[in-house]
PDB file of N, CA and C in Angstrom:
ATOM      1  N   MET A   1     -23.473  -9.077 -29.376  1.00  0.00           N
ATOM      2  CA  MET A   1     -23.595  -8.394 -28.070  1.00  0.00           C
ATOM      3  C   MET A   1     -23.240  -6.381 -28.432  1.00  0.00           C
ATOM      4  N   ASP A   2     -23.874  -5.677 -27.629  1.00  0.00           N
ATOM      5  CA  ASP A   2     -23.928  -4.442 -27.804  1.00  0.00           C
ATOM      6  C   ASP A   2     -23.104  -3.876 -26.424  1.00  0.00           C
ATOM      7  N   ILE A   3     -22.294  -2.667 -26.899  1.00  0.00           N
ATOM      8  CA  ILE A   3     -21.290  -2.212 -25.875  1.00  0.00           C
ATOM      9  C   ILE A   3     -22.305  -1.879 -24.557  1.00  0.00           C
ATOM     10  N   ALA A   4     -23.155  -1.761 -24.872  1.00  0.00           N
ATOM     11  CA  ALA A   4     -23.711  -0.640 -23.523  1.00  0.00           C
ATOM     12  C   ALA A   4     -24.911  -2.151 -22.839  1.00  0.00           C
ATOM     13  N   GLU A   5     -24.638  -3.426 -23.520  1.00  0.00           N
ATOM     14  CA  GLU A   5     -24.996  -4.277 -22.280  1.00  0.00           C
ATOM     15  C   GLU A   5     -24.033  -4.793 -21.950  1.00  0.00           C
ATOM     16  N   LEU A   6     -22.321  -4.830 -21.939  1.00  0.00           N
ATOM     17  CA  LEU A   6     -21.517  -4.489 -21.193  1.00  0.00           C
ATOM     18  C   LEU A   6     -21.036  -3.897 -19.949  1.00  0.00           C
ATOM     19  N   VAL A   7     -20.809  -3.013 -20.577  1.00  0.00           N
ATOM     20  CA  VAL A   7     -20.776  -1.487 -19.735  1.00  0.00           C
ATOM     21  C   VAL A   7     -22.190  -0.482 -19.546  1.00  0.00           C
ATOM     22  N   GLN A   8     -21.881   0.026 -18.274  1.00  0.00           N
ATOM     23  CA  GLN A   8     -22.952   0.724 -17.860  1.00  0.00           C
ATOM     24  C   GLN A   8     -22.751   2.322 -18.012  1.00  0.00           C
ATOM     25  N   ASP A   9     -21.645   2.320 -17.651  1.00  0.00           N
ATOM     26  CA  ASP A   9     -21.001   4.028 -17.383  1.00  0.00           C
ATOM     27  C   ASP A   9     -19.803   3.938 -18.158  1.00  0.00           C
ATOM     28  N   TRP A  10     -18.847   5.208 -17.514  1.00  0.00           N
ATOM     29  CA  TRP A  10     -17.569   5.568 -18.359  1.00  0.00           C
ATOM     30  C   TRP A  10     -16.812   4.795 -17.529  1.00  0.00           C
ATOM     31  N   GLY A  11     -17.166   4.989 -16.035  1.00  0.00           N
ATOM     32  CA  GLY A  11     -15.934   3.983 -15.064  1.00  0.00           C
ATOM     33  C   GLY A  11     -15.735   2.390 -15.629  1.00  0.00           C
ATOM     34  N   GLY A  12     -16.996   1.856 -16.297  1.00  0.00           N
ATOM     35  CA  GLY A  12     -17.159   0.811 -16.574  1.00  0.00           C
ATOM     36  C   GLY A  12     -15.993   0.443 -18.195  1.00  0.00           C
ATOM     37  N   PHE A  13     -16.558   1.494 -19.015  1.00  0.00           N
ATOM     38  CA  PHE A  13     -15.591   1.344 -19.733  1.00  0.00           C
ATOM     39  C   PHE A  13     -13.948   1.469 -19.725  1.00  0.00           C
ATOM     40  N   GLU A  14     -13.572   2.219 -18.954  1.00  0.00           N
ATOM     41  CA  GLU A  14     -12.758   2.600 -18.773  1.00  0.00           C
ATOM     42  C   GLU A  14     -11.872   0.948 -18.136  1.00  0.00           C
ATOM     43  N   GLN A  15     -12.363   0.775 -17.557  1.00  0.00           N
ATOM     44  CA  GLN A  15     -12.427  -0.722 -17.059  1.00  0.00           C
ATOM     45  C   GLN A  15     -11.776  -1.572 -18.059  1.00  0.00           C
ATOM     46  N   LEU A  16     -12.779  -1.876 -18.635  1.00  0.00           N
ATOM     47  CA  LEU A  16     -13.036  -2.643 -19.834  1.00  0.00           C
ATOM     48  C   LEU A  16     -11.779  -2.605 -20.437  1.00  0.00           C
ATOM     49  N   VAL A  17     -11.349  -1.281 -21.216  1.00  0.00           N
ATOM     50  CA  VAL A  17     -10.285  -0.777 -21.920  1.00  0.00           C
ATOM     51  C   VAL A  17      -8.845  -1.515 -21.310  1.00  0.00           C
ATOM     52  N   ALA A  18      -8.972  -1.140 -20.066  1.00  0.00           N
ATOM     53  CA  ALA A  18      -7.838  -1.551 -19.487  1.00  0.00           C
ATOM     54  C   ALA A  18      -7.606  -2.990 -19.274  1.00  0.00           C
ATOM     55  N   ARG A  19      -8.603  -4.057 -19.162  1.00  0.00           N
ATOM     56  CA  ARG A  19      -8.388  -5.607 -19.047  1.00  0.00           C
ATOM     57  C   ARG A  19      -8.259  -6.008 -20.525  1.00  0.00           C
ATOM     58  N   LEU A  20      -8.639  -5.145 -21.441  1.00  0.00           N
ATOM     59  CA  LEU A  20      -8.238  -5.771 -22.735  1.00  0.00           C
ATOM     60  C   LEU A  20      -6.989  -5.778 -23.041  1.00  0.00           C
ATOM     61  N   HIS A  21      -6.254  -4.727 -22.442  1.00  0.00           N
ATOM     62  CA  HIS A  21      -4.536  -4.319 -22.738  1.00  0.00           C
ATOM     63  C   HIS A  21      -3.587  -5.493 -21.513  1.00  0.00           C
ATOM     64  N   GLU A  22      -4.652  -6.200 -20.465  1.00  0.00           N
ATOM     65  CA  GLU A  22      -3.631  -7.068 -19.745  1.00  0.00           C
ATOM     66  C   GLU A  22      -3.501  -8.179 -20.292  1.00  0.00           C
ATOM     67  N   THR A  23      -2.358  -7.951 -21.231  1.00  0.00           N
ATOM     68  CA  THR A  23      -1.882  -9.569 -21.776  1.00  0.00           C
ATOM     69  C   THR A  23      -0.289  -9.326 -22.388  1.00  0.00           C
ATOM     70  N   GLY A  24       0.262 -10.500 -22.503  1.00  0.00           N
ATOM     71  CA  GLY A  24       1.623 -10.340 -22.689  1.00  0.00           C
ATOM     72  C   GLY A  24       2.684  -9.865 -21.490  1.00  0.00           C
ATOM     73  N   ASP A  25       3.594  -8.975 -22.091  1.00  0.00           N
ATOM     74  CA  ASP A  25       4.452  -8.564 -21.181  1.00  0.00           C
ATOM     75  C   ASP A  25       4.605  -6.950 -20.985  1.00  0.00           C
ATOM     76  N   VAL A  26       2.997  -6.737 -20.704  1.00  0.00           N
ATOM     77  CA  VAL A  26       2.362  -5.349 -19.964  1.00  0.00           C
ATOM     78  C   VAL A  26       2.167  -5.136 -18.912  1.00  0.00           C
ATOM     79  N   SER A  27       2.180  -4.117 -18.336  1.00  0.00           N
ATOM     80  CA  SER A  27       1.306  -3.489 -17.024  1.00  0.00           C
ATOM     81  C   SER A  27       0.286  -2.662 -17.756  1.00  0.00           C
ATOM     82  N   VAL A  28      -1.278  -2.296 -17.013  1.00  0.00           N
ATOM     83  CA  VAL A  28      -1.925  -1.488 -17.122  1.00  0.00           C
ATOM     84  C   VAL A  28      -2.378  -0.921 -16.157  1.00  0.00           C
ATOM     85  N   GLU A  29      -2.246   0.027 -15.608  1.00  0.00           N
ATOM     86  CA  GLU A  29      -2.650   0.910 -14.670  1.00  0.00           C
ATOM     87  C   GLU A  29      -4.248   2.139 -15.242  1.00  0.00           C
ATOM     88  N   HIS A  30      -4.987   1.772 -14.536  1.00  0.00           N
ATOM     89  CA  HIS A  30      -6.051   2.737 -14.593  1.00  0.00           C
ATOM     90  C   HIS A  30      -6.190   4.065 -13.617  1.00  0.00           C
ATOM     91  N   ASP A  31      -6.754   5.116 -14.219  1.00  0.00           N
ATOM     92  CA  ASP A  31      -6.905   6.244 -13.530  1.00  0.00           C
ATOM     93  C   ASP A  31      -5.683   6.682 -12.956  1.00  0.00           C
ATOM     94  N   VAL A  32      -4.875   7.037 -14.031  1.00  0.00           N
ATOM     95  CA  VAL A  32      -3.034   7.710 -13.621  1.00  0.00           C
ATOM     96  C   VAL A  32      -3.108   8.661 -13.843  1.00  0.00           C
ATOM     97  N   VAL A  33      -2.166   9.935 -12.378  1.00  0.00           N
ATOM     98  CA  VAL A  33      -1.905  10.872 -13.036  1.00  0.00           C
ATOM     99  C   VAL A  33      -0.617  11.345 -13.254  1.00  0.00           C
ATOM    100  N   LEU A  34       0.257  11.755 -14.349  1.00  0.00           N
ATOM    101  CA  LEU A  34       1.375  11.564 -14.477  1.00  0.00           C
ATOM    102  C   LEU A  34       2.216  13.384 -14.966  1.00  0.00           C
ATOM    103  N   PRO A  35       2.896  13.574 -14.204  1.00  0.00           N
ATOM    104  CA  PRO A  35       3.617  15.221 -14.612  1.00  0.00           C
ATOM    105  C   PRO A  35       4.041  15.568 -16.025  1.00  0.00           C
ATOM    106  N   GLY A  36       3.323  16.768 -16.865  1.00  0.00           N
ATOM    107  CA  GLY A  36       4.121  16.566 -18.163  1.00  0.00           C
ATOM    108  C   GLY A  36       4.963  17.435 -17.836  1.00  0.00           C
ATOM    109  N   ARG A  37       5.407  17.446 -19.246  1.00  0.00           N
ATOM    110  CA  ARG A  37       6.824  18.295 -19.133  1.00  0.00           C
ATOM    111  C   ARG A  37       6.897  20.248 -18.819  1.00  0.00           C
ATOM    112  N   SER A  38       5.430  20.051 -19.115  1.00  0.00           N
ATOM    113  CA  SER A  38       5.279  22.128 -18.704  1.00  0.00           C
ATOM    114  C   SER A  38       5.299  21.849 -16.933  1.00  0.00           C
ATOM    115  N   GLY A  39       5.040  20.978 -16.406  1.00  0.00           N
ATOM    116  CA  GLY A  39       4.701  21.088 -14.894  1.00  0.00           C
ATOM    117  C   GLY A  39       3.364  20.668 -14.615  1.00  0.00           C
ATOM    118  N   ALA A  40       2.379  20.629 -15.856  1.00  0.00           N
ATOM    119  CA  ALA A  40       0.800  20.509 -15.283  1.00  0.00           C
ATOM    120  C   ALA A  40       0.958  18.998 -15.242  1.00  0.00           C
ATOM    121  N   ALA A  41       0.002  18.491 -14.301  1.00  0.00           N
ATOM    122  CA  ALA A  41      -0.366  17.284 -14.395  1.00  0.00           C
ATOM    123  C   ALA A  41      -1.488  16.754 -15.472  1.00  0.00           C
ATOM    124  N   ARG A  42      -1.204  15.564 -15.957  1.00  0.00           N
ATOM    125  CA  ARG A  42      -2.218  15.033 -16.667  1.00  0.00           C
ATOM    126  C   ARG A  42      -2.612  14.034 -16.396  1.00  0.00           C
ATOM    127  N   GLN A  43      -4.374  13.800 -16.698  1.00  0.00           N
ATOM    128  CA  GLN A  43      -4.726  12.290 -16.155  1.00  0.00           C
ATOM    129  C   GLN A  43      -4.931  11.608 -17.349  1.00  0.00           C
ATOM    130  N   ILE A  44      -4.891  10.395 -17.112  1.00  0.00           N
ATOM    131  CA  ILE A  44      -4.473   9.226 -17.993  1.00  0.00           C
ATOM    132  C   ILE A  44      -5.748   7.989 -17.454  1.00  0.00           C
ATOM    133  N   ASP A  45      -6.799   8.088 -18.545  1.00  0.00           N
ATOM    134  CA  ASP A  45      -7.386   6.942 -18.215  1.00  0.00           C
ATOM    135  C   ASP A  45      -7.264   5.394 -18.043  1.00  0.00           C
ATOM    136  N   VAL A  46      -6.211   5.225 -18.999  1.00  0.00           N
ATOM    137  CA  VAL A  46      -5.795   4.328 -19.037  1.00  0.00           C
ATOM    138  C   VAL A  46      -4.182   4.035 -19.414  1.00  0.00           C
ATOM    139  N   LEU A  47      -2.767   3.762 -18.457  1.00  0.00           N
ATOM    140  CA  LEU A  47      -1.664   3.582 -19.499  1.00  0.00           C
ATOM    141  C   LEU A  47      -1.152   2.114 -19.140  1.00  0.00           C
ATOM    142  N   ILE A  48      -1.009   1.969 -20.551  1.00  0.00           N
ATOM    143  CA  ILE A  48       0.118   0.930 -21.151  1.00  0.00           C
ATOM    144  C   ILE A  48       1.402   0.796 -21.091  1.00  0.00           C
ATOM    145  N   ARG A  49       1.956  -0.009 -20.356  1.00  0.00           N
ATOM    146  CA  ARG A  49       3.481   0.151 -20.228  1.00  0.00           C
ATOM    147  C   ARG A  49       3.818  -1.189 -20.928  1.00  0.00           C
ATOM    148  N   HIS A  50       4.930  -1.035 -21.412  1.00  0.00           N
ATOM    149  CA  HIS A  50       5.708  -2.292 -22.477  1.00  0.00           C
ATOM    150  C   HIS A  50       7.070  -2.468 -21.820  1.00  0.00           C
ATOM    151  N   LYS A  51       7.486  -3.364 -21.023  1.00  0.00           N
ATOM    152  CA  LYS A  51       8.848  -3.398 -21.041  1.00  0.00           C
ATOM    153  C   LYS A  51       9.881  -4.600 -21.224  1.00  0.00           C
ATOM    154  N   GLN A  52      10.409  -4.163 -22.419  1.00  0.00           N
ATOM    155  CA  GLN A  52      11.620  -5.024 -22.993  1.00  0.00           C
ATOM    156  C   GLN A  52      12.937  -5.004 -23.220  1.00  0.00           C
ATOM    157  N   GLY A  53      13.347  -5.609 -22.368  1.00  0.00           N
ATOM    158  CA  GLY A  53      14.974  -5.713 -21.924  1.00  0.00           C
ATOM    159  C   GLY A  53      15.281  -4.018 -21.023  1.00  0.00           C
ATOM    160  N   LEU A  54      16.027  -3.532 -22.118  1.00  0.00           N
ATOM    161  CA  LEU A  54      16.516  -1.621 -21.275  1.00  0.00           C
ATOM    162  C   LEU A  54      15.572  -0.870 -21.338  1.00  0.00           C
ATOM    163  N   TYR A  55      14.357  -1.423 -22.670  1.00  0.00           N
ATOM    164  CA  TYR A  55      13.684  -0.143 -22.975  1.00  0.00           C
ATOM    165  C   TYR A  55      12.185  -0.131 -21.813  1.00  0.00           C
ATOM    166  N   GLU A  56      11.319   1.077 -21.916  1.00  0.00           N
ATOM    167  CA  GLU A  56      10.314   0.976 -21.785  1.00  0.00           C
ATOM    168  C   GLU A  56       9.304   1.578 -22.572  1.00  0.00           C
ATOM    169  N   HIS A  57       8.373   1.456 -23.038  1.00  0.00           N
ATOM    170  CA  HIS A  57       7.062   2.012 -23.905  1.00  0.00           C
ATOM    171  C   HIS A  57       5.864   2.111 -23.411  1.00  0.00           C
ATOM    172  N   PHE A  58       5.582   3.245 -23.437  1.00  0.00           N
ATOM    173  CA  PHE A  58       4.096   3.476 -23.161  1.00  0.00           C
ATOM    174  C   PHE A  58       2.975   4.109 -23.521  1.00  0.00           C
ATOM    175  N   VAL A  59       2.028   3.495 -23.521  1.00  0.00           N
ATOM    176  CA  VAL A  59       0.667   4.236 -24.384  1.00  0.00           C
ATOM    177  C   VAL A  59      -0.530   4.834 -23.338  1.00  0.00           C
ATOM    178  N   VAL A  60      -0.987   5.818 -23.925  1.00  0.00           N
ATOM    179  CA  VAL A  60      -1.884   6.534 -23.047  1.00  0.00           C
ATOM    180  C   VAL A  60      -3.249   5.981 -23.931  1.00  0.00           C
ATOM    181  N   ALA A  61      -4.033   5.874 -23.401  1.00  0.00           N
ATOM    182  CA  ALA A  61      -5.204   5.488 -23.573  1.00  0.00           C
ATOM    183  C   ALA A  61      -6.402   6.264 -23.332  1.00  0.00           C
ATOM    184  N   GLU A  62      -7.407   6.839 -23.705  1.00  0.00           N
ATOM    185  CA  GLU A  62      -8.436   7.674 -23.581  1.00  0.00           C
ATOM    186  C   GLU A  62      -9.969   7.149 -23.743  1.00  0.00           C
ATOM    187  N   CYS A  63     -10.276   6.873 -22.973  1.00  0.00           N
ATOM    188  CA  CYS A  63     -12.056   6.559 -23.382  1.00  0.00           C
ATOM    189  C   CYS A  63     -13.069   7.497 -23.444  1.00  0.00           C
ATOM    190  N   LYS A  64     -13.801   7.653 -24.396  1.00  0.00           N
ATOM    191  CA  LYS A  64     -14.755   8.356 -24.253  1.00  0.00           C
ATOM    192  C   LYS A  64     -16.108   7.947 -24.201  1.00  0.00           C
ATOM    193  N   TYR A  65     -16.690   7.591 -23.253  1.00  0.00           N
ATOM    194  CA  TYR A  65     -17.795   6.768 -23.106  1.00  0.00           C
ATOM    195  C   TYR A  65     -19.017   7.997 -22.997  1.00  0.00           C
ATOM    196  N   TRP A  66     -19.304   8.680 -24.429  1.00  0.00           N
ATOM    197  CA  TRP A  66     -20.158   9.874 -24.880  1.00  0.00           C
ATOM    198  C   TRP A  66     -21.350   9.294 -25.117  1.00  0.00           C
ATOM    199  N   ASN A  67     -22.368  10.369 -25.720  1.00  0.00           N
ATOM    200  CA  ASN A  67     -23.415  10.401 -26.798  1.00  0.00           C
ATOM    201  C   ASN A  67     -22.792  11.055 -27.754  1.00  0.00           C
ATOM    202  N   SER A  68     -21.808  10.720 -28.135  1.00  0.00           N
ATOM    203  CA  SER A  68     -21.678  11.839 -29.518  1.00  0.00           C
ATOM    204  C   SER A  68     -20.560  11.448 -29.812  1.00  0.00           C
ATOM    205  N   PRO A  69     -19.848  11.332 -31.401  1.00  0.00           N
ATOM    206  CA  PRO A  69     -18.653  11.282 -31.698  1.00  0.00           C
ATOM    207  C   PRO A  69     -17.584  12.603 -30.753  1.00  0.00           C
ATOM    208  N   VAL A  70     -16.337  11.561 -30.772  1.00  0.00           N
ATOM    209  CA  VAL A  70     -15.387  12.152 -30.494  1.00  0.00           C
ATOM    210  C   VAL A  70     -14.652  13.508 -31.183  1.00  0.00           C
ATOM    211  N   GLU A  71     -14.536  14.663 -31.068  1.00  0.00           N
ATOM    212  CA  GLU A  71     -14.137  16.068 -32.197  1.00  0.00           C
ATOM    213  C   GLU A  71     -12.943  16.012 -32.023  1.00  0.00           C
ATOM    214  N   ARG A  72     -12.226  16.562 -32.952  1.00  0.00           N
ATOM    215  CA  ARG A  72     -11.010  16.964 -33.327  1.00  0.00           C
ATOM    216  C   ARG A  72     -10.122  17.675 -32.270  1.00  0.00           C
ATOM    217  N   LEU A  73     -11.075  18.568 -31.543  1.00  0.00           N
ATOM    218  CA  LEU A  73     -10.169  18.973 -30.554  1.00  0.00           C
ATOM    219  C   LEU A  73      -9.445  18.323 -29.544  1.00  0.00           C
ATOM    220  N   HIS A  74     -10.347  17.028 -29.312  1.00  0.00           N
ATOM    221  CA  HIS A  74     -10.042  15.860 -28.188  1.00  0.00           C
ATOM    222  C   HIS A  74      -8.652  15.128 -28.924  1.00  0.00           C
ATOM    223  N   VAL A  75      -8.823  14.652 -29.917  1.00  0.00           N
ATOM    224  CA  VAL A  75      -7.624  14.292 -30.729  1.00  0.00           C
ATOM    225  C   VAL A  75      -6.684  15.036 -30.331  1.00  0.00           C
ATOM    226  N   ASP A  76      -6.671  16.323 -30.592  1.00  0.00           N
ATOM    227  CA  ASP A  76      -5.736  17.025 -30.578  1.00  0.00           C
ATOM    228  C   ASP A  76      -4.961  17.187 -29.002  1.00  0.00           C
ATOM    229  N   ALA A  77      -5.729  17.236 -28.023  1.00  0.00           N
ATOM    230  CA  ALA A  77      -5.562  17.186 -26.429  1.00  0.00           C
ATOM    231  C   ALA A  77      -4.515  16.037 -26.346  1.00  0.00           C
ATOM    232  N   LEU A  78      -5.091  14.646 -27.181  1.00  0.00           N
ATOM    233  CA  LEU A  78      -4.556  13.520 -26.588  1.00  0.00           C
ATOM    234  C   LEU A  78      -2.851  13.865 -27.250  1.00  0.00           C
ATOM    235  N   ALA A  79      -3.139  14.397 -28.365  1.00  0.00           N
ATOM    236  CA  ALA A  79      -1.892  14.626 -29.107  1.00  0.00           C
ATOM    237  C   ALA A  79      -0.624  15.430 -28.282  1.00  0.00           C
ATOM    238  N   THR A  80      -1.483  16.225 -27.418  1.00  0.00           N
ATOM    239  CA  THR A  80      -0.456  16.978 -26.615  1.00  0.00           C
ATOM    240  C   THR A  80      -0.238  16.009 -25.246  1.00  0.00           C
ATOM    241  N   THR A  81      -1.095  15.480 -24.702  1.00  0.00           N
ATOM    242  CA  THR A  81      -0.535  14.794 -23.854  1.00  0.00           C
ATOM    243  C   THR A  81       0.482  13.620 -23.887  1.00  0.00           C
ATOM    244  N   ILE A  82       0.427  12.989 -25.156  1.00  0.00           N
ATOM    245  CA  ILE A  82       1.459  12.149 -25.311  1.00  0.00           C
ATOM    246  C   ILE A  82       2.608  12.815 -25.298  1.00  0.00           C
ATOM    247  N   ARG A  83       2.870  13.966 -26.267  1.00  0.00           N
ATOM    248  CA  ARG A  83       4.254  14.701 -26.181  1.00  0.00           C
ATOM    249  C   ARG A  83       4.493  14.863 -24.681  1.00  0.00           C
ATOM    250  N   GLU A  84       3.599  15.651 -23.986  1.00  0.00           N
ATOM    251  CA  GLU A  84       3.764  16.021 -22.555  1.00  0.00           C
ATOM    252  C   GLU A  84       4.295  15.109 -21.769  1.00  0.00           C
ATOM    253  N   VAL A  85       4.099  13.586 -21.638  1.00  0.00           N
ATOM    254  CA  VAL A  85       4.489  12.430 -20.885  1.00  0.00           C
ATOM    255  C   VAL A  85       5.637  11.758 -21.322  1.00  0.00           C
ATOM    256  N   GLY A  86       5.408  12.173 -22.699  1.00  0.00           N
ATOM    257  CA  GLY A  86       6.718  11.571 -23.448  1.00  0.00           C
ATOM    258  C   GLY A  86       6.163   9.588 -23.657  1.00  0.00           C
ATOM    259  N   ALA A  87       4.902   9.543 -23.978  1.00  0.00           N
ATOM    260  CA  ALA A  87       4.481   8.436 -24.678  1.00  0.00           C
ATOM    261  C   ALA A  87       4.866   8.214 -25.527  1.00  0.00           C
ATOM    262  N   SER A  88       5.022   6.692 -25.977  1.00  0.00           N
ATOM    263  CA  SER A  88       5.120   6.217 -27.562  1.00  0.00           C
ATOM    264  C   SER A  88       4.124   6.225 -28.400  1.00  0.00           C
ATOM    265  N   ARG A  89       3.336   6.263 -27.984  1.00  0.00           N
ATOM    266  CA  ARG A  89       1.785   6.371 -28.979  1.00  0.00           C
ATOM    267  C   ARG A  89       0.416   6.698 -28.020  1.00  0.00           C
ATOM    268  N   GLY A  90      -0.521   7.065 -28.733  1.00  0.00           N
ATOM    269  CA  GLY A  90      -1.993   7.444 -28.180  1.00  0.00           C
ATOM    270  C   GLY A  90      -2.915   7.128 -28.596  1.00  0.00           C
ATOM    271  N   VAL A  91      -4.186   6.486 -28.132  1.00  0.00           N
ATOM    272  CA  VAL A  91      -5.450   5.740 -29.013  1.00  0.00           C
ATOM    273  C   VAL A  91      -6.319   6.598 -27.966  1.00  0.00           C
ATOM    274  N   ILE A  92      -7.572   6.487 -29.149  1.00  0.00           N
ATOM    275  CA  ILE A  92      -8.801   6.869 -28.150  1.00  0.00           C
ATOM    276  C   ILE A  92      -9.694   5.848 -28.258  1.00  0.00           C
ATOM    277  N   PHE A  93     -10.424   5.454 -27.223  1.00  0.00           N
ATOM    278  CA  PHE A  93     -11.382   4.326 -27.748  1.00  0.00           C
ATOM    279  C   PHE A  93     -12.893   5.179 -27.629  1.00  0.00           C
ATOM    280  N   SER A  94     -13.694   4.970 -28.322  1.00  0.00           N
ATOM    281  CA  SER A  94     -15.300   5.946 -28.337  1.00  0.00           C
ATOM    282  C   SER A  94     -16.270   4.884 -28.237  1.00  0.00           C
ATOM    283  N   THR A  95     -17.541   5.062 -27.895  1.00  0.00           N
ATOM    284  CA  THR A  95     -18.423   4.438 -28.035  1.00  0.00           C
ATOM    285  C   THR A  95     -19.455   4.989 -29.309  1.00  0.00           C
ATOM    286  N   LYS A  96     -19.138   6.058 -29.746  1.00  0.00           N
ATOM    287  CA  LYS A  96     -20.287   6.492 -30.953  1.00  0.00           C
ATOM    288  C   LYS A  96     -19.229   7.169 -31.653  1.00  0.00           C
ATOM    289  N   GLY A  97     -17.863   6.621 -31.599  1.00  0.00           N
ATOM    290  CA  GLY A  97     -16.752   6.780 -33.249  1.00  0.00           C
ATOM    291  C   GLY A  97     -16.461   8.244 -33.283  1.00  0.00           C
ATOM    292  N   PHE A  98     -16.121   8.760 -34.478  1.00  0.00           N
ATOM    293  CA  PHE A  98     -15.470   9.886 -33.971  1.00  0.00           C
ATOM    294  C   PHE A  98     -15.882  10.759 -35.222  1.00  0.00           C
ATOM    295  N   GLN A  99     -15.851  12.182 -35.362  1.00  0.00           N
ATOM    296  CA  GLN A  99     -16.145  13.024 -36.338  1.00  0.00           C
ATOM    297  C   GLN A  99     -15.361  12.791 -37.468  1.00  0.00           C
ATOM    298  N   ALA A 100     -15.571  13.454 -38.761  1.00  0.00           N
ATOM    299  CA  ALA A 100     -14.653  13.416 -39.826  1.00  0.00           C
ATOM    300  C   ALA A 100     -13.601  14.194 -39.316  1.00  0.00           C
ATOM    301  N   GLY A 101     -13.296  15.057 -39.016  1.00  0.00           N
ATOM    302  CA  GLY A 101     -12.052  16.164 -38.661  1.00  0.00           C
ATOM    303  C   GLY A 101     -11.013  15.574 -37.566  1.00  0.00           C
ATOM    304  N   ALA A 102     -11.773  14.770 -36.678  1.00  0.00           N
ATOM    305  CA  ALA A 102     -11.289  13.785 -35.668  1.00  0.00           C
ATOM    306  C   ALA A 102     -10.596  12.354 -36.434  1.00  0.00           C
ATOM    307  N   ILE A 103     -10.663  11.961 -37.418  1.00  0.00           N
ATOM    308  CA  ILE A 103     -10.065  10.631 -38.045  1.00  0.00           C
ATOM    309  C   ILE A 103      -9.251  11.182 -38.814  1.00  0.00           C
TER     310      ILE A 103
END
């Protein structure tokens, strides 16, 4: 089955990614705005929080429902967002893959 058969637009793609992560001891939020360390607001497509004991880790997920591969500048922007919001990790989901420089 092709992704286009499951998802018709970017909002549906973000919802699919969010639902894929709703397992185990995690909470998943869609379309979240967090304050960055610089004070600038950061929009997050999907935020995955994992809490274990006294520790909480969260992962920033960006969803690219585009007609072209993700470029390096978008990977760099994700790295900045990870640092700004103090996320443990970040991931980009793409319907068209990644350019060589982004990999």
